[in-house]
Structure formats: C-alpha cells, structure tokens
N, C-alpha and C. Protein backbone atom coordinates (compact mmCIF):
# COMPACT_ATOMS: atom_id res chain seq x y z
N UNK A 1 -0.83 0.74 -12.71
CA UNK A 1 -0.65 -0.69 -12.68
C UNK A 1 -1.65 -1.38 -13.60
N UNK A 2 -2.87 -0.92 -13.61
CA UNK A 2 -3.91 -1.53 -14.42
C UNK A 2 -4.10 -0.82 -15.75
N UNK A 3 -3.37 0.25 -15.97
CA UNK A 3 -3.59 1.06 -17.17
C UNK A 3 -3.39 0.26 -18.45
N UNK A 4 -2.43 -0.67 -18.47
CA UNK A 4 -2.19 -1.43 -19.70
C UNK A 4 -3.18 -2.59 -19.86
N UNK A 5 -4.01 -2.86 -18.85
CA UNK A 5 -4.99 -3.94 -18.94
C UNK A 5 -6.39 -3.42 -19.26
N UNK A 6 -6.60 -2.14 -19.10
CA UNK A 6 -7.91 -1.54 -19.37
C UNK A 6 -7.89 -0.96 -20.78
N UNK A 7 -8.81 -1.42 -21.60
CA UNK A 7 -8.85 -0.99 -23.00
C UNK A 7 -9.44 0.40 -23.15
N UNK A 8 -10.55 0.66 -22.49
CA UNK A 8 -11.24 1.94 -22.63
C UNK A 8 -11.10 2.77 -21.36
N UNK A 9 -10.84 4.03 -21.57
CA UNK A 9 -10.84 4.98 -20.46
C UNK A 9 -12.11 5.83 -20.61
N UNK A 10 -12.54 6.52 -19.56
CA UNK A 10 -13.76 7.32 -19.66
C UNK A 10 -13.74 8.30 -20.84
N UNK A 11 -12.61 8.90 -21.09
CA UNK A 11 -12.50 9.88 -22.19
C UNK A 11 -12.70 9.19 -23.54
N UNK A 12 -12.22 7.94 -23.69
CA UNK A 12 -12.40 7.20 -24.94
C UNK A 12 -13.88 6.96 -25.22
N UNK A 13 -14.62 6.63 -24.17
CA UNK A 13 -16.05 6.38 -24.33
C UNK A 13 -16.77 7.68 -24.68
N UNK A 14 -16.37 8.75 -24.03
CA UNK A 14 -17.01 10.05 -24.27
C UNK A 14 -16.80 10.52 -25.71
N UNK A 15 -15.63 10.29 -26.24
CA UNK A 15 -15.29 10.80 -27.57
C UNK A 15 -15.66 9.84 -28.70
N UNK A 16 -16.17 8.67 -28.40
CA UNK A 16 -16.50 7.69 -29.43
C UNK A 16 -17.66 8.20 -30.29
N UNK A 17 -17.47 8.14 -31.61
CA UNK A 17 -18.49 8.55 -32.58
C UNK A 17 -18.95 7.31 -33.34
N UNK A 18 -20.24 7.16 -33.49
CA UNK A 18 -20.81 6.05 -34.22
C UNK A 18 -21.38 6.56 -35.55
N UNK A 19 -21.32 5.71 -36.55
CA UNK A 19 -21.93 6.06 -37.83
C UNK A 19 -23.44 5.92 -37.69
N UNK A 20 -24.17 6.85 -38.31
CA UNK A 20 -25.63 6.83 -38.22
C UNK A 20 -26.18 6.13 -39.46
N UNK A 21 -27.02 5.17 -39.21
CA UNK A 21 -27.67 4.43 -40.27
C UNK A 21 -29.15 4.80 -40.29
N UNK A 22 -29.83 4.47 -41.35
CA UNK A 22 -31.26 4.82 -41.43
C UNK A 22 -32.07 4.08 -40.38
N UNK A 23 -31.64 2.91 -40.02
CA UNK A 23 -32.34 2.14 -38.98
C UNK A 23 -31.50 2.09 -37.70
N UNK A 24 -30.79 3.12 -37.42
CA UNK A 24 -29.89 3.15 -36.27
C UNK A 24 -30.62 3.30 -34.94
N UNK A 25 -29.82 3.34 -33.90
CA UNK A 25 -30.34 3.50 -32.55
C UNK A 25 -30.71 4.96 -32.30
N UNK A 26 -31.49 5.17 -31.27
CA UNK A 26 -31.80 6.54 -30.88
C UNK A 26 -30.58 7.13 -30.19
N UNK A 27 -30.09 8.21 -30.73
CA UNK A 27 -28.85 8.80 -30.23
C UNK A 27 -28.94 9.21 -28.77
N UNK A 28 -30.08 9.72 -28.35
CA UNK A 28 -30.23 10.17 -26.97
C UNK A 28 -30.09 8.98 -26.00
N UNK A 29 -30.68 7.83 -26.35
CA UNK A 29 -30.58 6.64 -25.49
C UNK A 29 -29.13 6.14 -25.43
N UNK A 30 -28.48 6.13 -26.58
CA UNK A 30 -27.08 5.69 -26.61
C UNK A 30 -26.23 6.63 -25.77
N UNK A 31 -26.43 7.94 -25.90
CA UNK A 31 -25.66 8.91 -25.14
C UNK A 31 -25.89 8.75 -23.64
N UNK A 32 -27.13 8.54 -23.24
CA UNK A 32 -27.43 8.36 -21.81
C UNK A 32 -26.76 7.10 -21.28
N UNK A 33 -26.81 6.03 -22.07
CA UNK A 33 -26.19 4.79 -21.63
C UNK A 33 -24.68 4.94 -21.53
N UNK A 34 -24.07 5.59 -22.51
CA UNK A 34 -22.63 5.81 -22.48
C UNK A 34 -22.24 6.72 -21.31
N UNK A 35 -23.07 7.70 -20.98
CA UNK A 35 -22.79 8.55 -19.81
C UNK A 35 -22.77 7.72 -18.54
N UNK A 36 -23.68 6.76 -18.44
CA UNK A 36 -23.71 5.87 -17.27
C UNK A 36 -22.43 5.03 -17.22
N UNK A 37 -22.02 4.52 -18.37
CA UNK A 37 -20.79 3.72 -18.43
C UNK A 37 -19.58 4.56 -18.04
N UNK A 38 -19.52 5.79 -18.51
CA UNK A 38 -18.40 6.69 -18.17
C UNK A 38 -18.35 6.90 -16.66
N UNK A 39 -19.51 7.15 -16.05
CA UNK A 39 -19.54 7.34 -14.59
C UNK A 39 -19.05 6.11 -13.85
N UNK A 40 -19.47 4.93 -14.33
CA UNK A 40 -19.01 3.69 -13.69
C UNK A 40 -17.50 3.52 -13.84
N UNK A 41 -16.98 3.80 -15.02
CA UNK A 41 -15.54 3.69 -15.24
C UNK A 41 -14.78 4.62 -14.29
N UNK A 42 -15.25 5.83 -14.16
CA UNK A 42 -14.58 6.77 -13.25
C UNK A 42 -14.61 6.25 -11.81
N UNK A 43 -15.74 5.69 -11.40
CA UNK A 43 -15.84 5.12 -10.05
C UNK A 43 -14.88 3.95 -9.90
N UNK A 44 -14.83 3.07 -10.90
CA UNK A 44 -13.94 1.91 -10.84
C UNK A 44 -12.48 2.35 -10.73
N UNK A 45 -12.10 3.35 -11.51
CA UNK A 45 -10.72 3.83 -11.45
C UNK A 45 -10.41 4.45 -10.08
N UNK A 46 -11.35 5.19 -9.52
CA UNK A 46 -11.15 5.75 -8.18
C UNK A 46 -11.02 4.65 -7.14
N UNK A 47 -11.87 3.64 -7.24
CA UNK A 47 -11.81 2.52 -6.30
C UNK A 47 -10.47 1.81 -6.41
N UNK A 48 -10.02 1.55 -7.62
CA UNK A 48 -8.73 0.88 -7.83
C UNK A 48 -7.59 1.70 -7.24
N UNK A 49 -7.59 3.00 -7.50
CA UNK A 49 -6.52 3.86 -6.97
C UNK A 49 -6.54 3.88 -5.44
N UNK A 50 -7.72 3.95 -4.84
CA UNK A 50 -7.82 3.94 -3.38
C UNK A 50 -7.34 2.61 -2.81
N UNK A 51 -7.70 1.52 -3.45
CA UNK A 51 -7.27 0.20 -2.97
C UNK A 51 -5.76 0.02 -3.12
N UNK A 52 -5.20 0.53 -4.19
CA UNK A 52 -3.74 0.46 -4.38
C UNK A 52 -3.02 1.24 -3.28
N UNK A 53 -3.54 2.41 -2.94
CA UNK A 53 -2.93 3.21 -1.87
C UNK A 53 -3.05 2.48 -0.54
N UNK A 54 -4.23 1.94 -0.27
CA UNK A 54 -4.45 1.20 0.98
C UNK A 54 -3.52 0.00 1.05
N UNK A 55 -3.34 -0.69 -0.07
CA UNK A 55 -2.45 -1.84 -0.11
C UNK A 55 -1.02 -1.45 0.22
N UNK A 56 -0.53 -0.36 -0.38
CA UNK A 56 0.84 0.06 -0.12
C UNK A 56 1.01 0.51 1.34
N UNK A 57 -0.01 1.16 1.91
CA UNK A 57 0.04 1.55 3.31
C UNK A 57 0.11 0.32 4.21
N UNK A 58 -0.69 -0.69 3.89
CA UNK A 58 -0.70 -1.91 4.70
C UNK A 58 0.61 -2.67 4.57
N UNK A 59 1.20 -2.69 3.39
CA UNK A 59 2.50 -3.34 3.23
C UNK A 59 3.58 -2.64 4.04
N UNK A 60 3.54 -1.32 4.06
CA UNK A 60 4.50 -0.56 4.88
C UNK A 60 4.30 -0.86 6.36
N UNK A 61 3.05 -0.96 6.77
CA UNK A 61 2.75 -1.29 8.17
C UNK A 61 3.24 -2.69 8.52
N UNK A 62 3.11 -3.63 7.59
CA UNK A 62 3.59 -5.00 7.82
C UNK A 62 5.10 -4.99 8.03
N UNK A 63 5.82 -4.24 7.21
CA UNK A 63 7.27 -4.16 7.35
C UNK A 63 7.63 -3.61 8.72
N UNK A 64 6.95 -2.55 9.15
CA UNK A 64 7.22 -1.96 10.47
C UNK A 64 6.93 -2.95 11.59
N UNK A 65 5.81 -3.67 11.47
CA UNK A 65 5.45 -4.63 12.51
C UNK A 65 6.44 -5.80 12.56
N UNK A 66 6.93 -6.24 11.41
CA UNK A 66 7.94 -7.30 11.40
C UNK A 66 9.21 -6.84 12.08
N UNK A 67 9.60 -5.59 11.84
CA UNK A 67 10.80 -5.04 12.49
C UNK A 67 10.60 -4.98 14.01
N UNK A 68 9.43 -4.52 14.43
CA UNK A 68 9.14 -4.47 15.86
C UNK A 68 9.17 -5.87 16.47
N UNK A 69 8.66 -6.85 15.75
CA UNK A 69 8.66 -8.23 16.24
C UNK A 69 10.09 -8.74 16.39
N UNK A 70 10.94 -8.46 15.39
CA UNK A 70 12.35 -8.86 15.49
C UNK A 70 13.00 -8.20 16.70
N UNK A 71 12.74 -6.91 16.88
CA UNK A 71 13.32 -6.19 18.02
C UNK A 71 12.85 -6.78 19.34
N UNK A 72 11.57 -7.10 19.43
CA UNK A 72 11.02 -7.67 20.66
C UNK A 72 11.62 -9.04 20.94
N UNK A 73 11.76 -9.85 19.90
CA UNK A 73 12.37 -11.18 20.10
C UNK A 73 13.80 -11.06 20.58
N UNK A 74 14.56 -10.13 20.00
CA UNK A 74 15.93 -9.93 20.42
C UNK A 74 15.99 -9.44 21.87
N UNK A 75 15.11 -8.51 22.22
CA UNK A 75 15.06 -8.03 23.60
C UNK A 75 14.72 -9.16 24.56
N UNK A 76 13.78 -10.01 24.16
CA UNK A 76 13.40 -11.13 25.01
C UNK A 76 14.56 -12.12 25.16
N UNK A 77 15.28 -12.35 24.07
CA UNK A 77 16.44 -13.24 24.12
C UNK A 77 17.51 -12.69 25.05
N UNK A 78 17.76 -11.40 24.93
CA UNK A 78 18.76 -10.76 25.79
C UNK A 78 18.32 -10.83 27.25
N UNK A 79 17.06 -10.57 27.51
CA UNK A 79 16.55 -10.61 28.88
C UNK A 79 16.63 -12.03 29.44
N UNK A 80 16.32 -13.03 28.62
CA UNK A 80 16.37 -14.42 29.09
C UNK A 80 17.79 -14.85 29.39
N UNK A 81 18.75 -14.50 28.55
CA UNK A 81 20.13 -14.89 28.81
C UNK A 81 20.66 -14.18 30.05
N UNK A 82 20.24 -12.95 30.28
CA UNK A 82 20.71 -12.22 31.45
C UNK A 82 20.14 -12.82 32.74
N UNK A 83 18.88 -13.16 32.74
CA UNK A 83 18.26 -13.67 33.95
C UNK A 83 18.59 -15.13 34.20
N UNK A 84 18.85 -15.89 33.16
CA UNK A 84 19.17 -17.31 33.34
C UNK A 84 20.52 -17.50 34.00
N UNK A 85 21.49 -16.72 33.62
CA UNK A 85 22.83 -16.88 34.17
C UNK A 85 23.03 -16.11 35.47
N UNK A 86 22.22 -15.12 35.69
CA UNK A 86 22.40 -14.31 36.88
C UNK A 86 23.54 -13.32 36.74
N UNK A 87 24.24 -13.37 35.63
CA UNK A 87 25.36 -12.46 35.40
C UNK A 87 25.13 -11.71 34.10
N UNK A 88 25.68 -10.52 34.05
CA UNK A 88 25.64 -9.76 32.81
C UNK A 88 27.03 -9.83 32.21
N UNK A 89 27.10 -10.40 31.01
CA UNK A 89 28.40 -10.55 30.35
C UNK A 89 28.60 -9.43 29.35
N UNK A 90 29.81 -9.35 28.85
CA UNK A 90 30.11 -8.35 27.83
C UNK A 90 29.26 -8.57 26.57
N UNK A 91 28.99 -9.83 26.26
CA UNK A 91 28.16 -10.15 25.09
C UNK A 91 26.75 -9.59 25.29
N UNK A 92 26.21 -9.75 26.50
CA UNK A 92 24.88 -9.20 26.80
C UNK A 92 24.86 -7.69 26.64
N UNK A 93 25.87 -7.05 27.14
CA UNK A 93 25.96 -5.59 27.05
C UNK A 93 26.06 -5.15 25.60
N UNK A 94 26.87 -5.85 24.80
CA UNK A 94 27.01 -5.51 23.39
C UNK A 94 25.71 -5.74 22.63
N UNK A 95 24.98 -6.80 22.96
CA UNK A 95 23.69 -7.06 22.31
C UNK A 95 22.70 -5.94 22.64
N UNK A 96 22.64 -5.58 23.89
CA UNK A 96 21.73 -4.50 24.30
C UNK A 96 22.08 -3.20 23.60
N UNK A 97 23.38 -2.90 23.57
CA UNK A 97 23.83 -1.68 22.92
C UNK A 97 23.48 -1.70 21.43
N UNK A 98 23.71 -2.82 20.79
CA UNK A 98 23.38 -2.96 19.38
C UNK A 98 21.88 -2.77 19.15
N UNK A 99 21.10 -3.37 20.01
CA UNK A 99 19.63 -3.25 19.89
C UNK A 99 19.19 -1.80 20.09
N UNK A 100 19.75 -1.14 21.07
CA UNK A 100 19.40 0.26 21.31
C UNK A 100 19.78 1.14 20.12
N UNK A 101 20.95 0.88 19.53
CA UNK A 101 21.37 1.65 18.36
C UNK A 101 20.38 1.46 17.21
N UNK A 102 19.96 0.23 16.99
CA UNK A 102 18.98 -0.05 15.92
C UNK A 102 17.69 0.71 16.17
N UNK A 103 17.23 0.68 17.40
CA UNK A 103 15.97 1.35 17.73
C UNK A 103 16.10 2.86 17.54
N UNK A 104 17.21 3.43 18.00
CA UNK A 104 17.41 4.87 17.89
C UNK A 104 17.52 5.30 16.44
N UNK A 105 18.32 4.57 15.66
CA UNK A 105 18.49 4.94 14.26
C UNK A 105 17.23 4.72 13.45
N UNK A 106 16.46 3.70 13.76
CA UNK A 106 15.18 3.48 13.07
C UNK A 106 14.21 4.60 13.36
N UNK A 107 14.16 5.04 14.61
CA UNK A 107 13.24 6.13 14.96
C UNK A 107 13.68 7.42 14.31
N UNK A 108 14.98 7.67 14.24
CA UNK A 108 15.43 8.91 13.60
C UNK A 108 15.19 8.85 12.10
N UNK A 109 15.30 7.65 11.48
CA UNK A 109 14.99 7.52 10.05
C UNK A 109 13.52 7.79 9.81
N UNK A 110 12.65 7.31 10.70
CA UNK A 110 11.21 7.52 10.53
C UNK A 110 10.88 9.01 10.66
N UNK A 111 11.52 9.70 11.59
CA UNK A 111 11.26 11.13 11.77
C UNK A 111 11.75 11.91 10.56
N UNK A 112 12.90 11.48 9.99
CA UNK A 112 13.44 12.17 8.82
C UNK A 112 12.52 11.99 7.62
N UNK A 113 11.89 10.82 7.51
CA UNK A 113 10.99 10.55 6.37
C UNK A 113 9.70 11.35 6.49
N UNK A 114 9.26 11.66 7.69
CA UNK A 114 8.02 12.42 7.87
C UNK A 114 8.33 13.86 7.63
C-alpha cells in the first residue's frame, strides 16, 4: 500500500555509492550513519506491515459485530412481536426460521473459512 509512496527502500540505501572528493566525508562515519538509517527503515516497514494486518483484522471484526448486532435486533423484534400479541403467527414463525437459517449458514461459512 505504501510502496509507491516510499522513495527509498533499505536495499537502495545499502547499495548507494557516493563519489569521493578530496575534501569528502569520512566514509566510515557515512557508512555507520547509513546503517542506522537502514535499520530504521526496516523497523518502519515492519511497523507499517503489522499495523496494516491489525487494521484488516479489526475491520473483519467490525463486520462480524455488525452482523451480530443485526441478528440481535431481529431476534429482539421477533420476541417483542410475539410477547406483545400473546399469539405466535405464521409471520413470527417464518421470521424465526429465517433468522435461524442465517445464523446456521453464517456459522458454517465461518467454519469453512477456517
């Protein structure tokens, strides 16, 4: 996701060659500094990858929780209509059956995915 926004990768820094001038920098200091930068880049990339995975896991959990909330609301609606009238109608039975089918098929889909 971020690969097209990051200009330098750790390998690019490692392989970078500078021209040496008579009044140039001390190569050992430059190499040590670049090694530090490479380590930081690797850490940043690991952090980004871990956060991306965590984000996708949390989004999947949100979807599951929204589905559970919809199921609970429907169950509550069915229970309220049944208790308010004192009678169980064909519509109530069909709603319950539909809800049970959704729950069963969702659970079997989850087991198949694992």
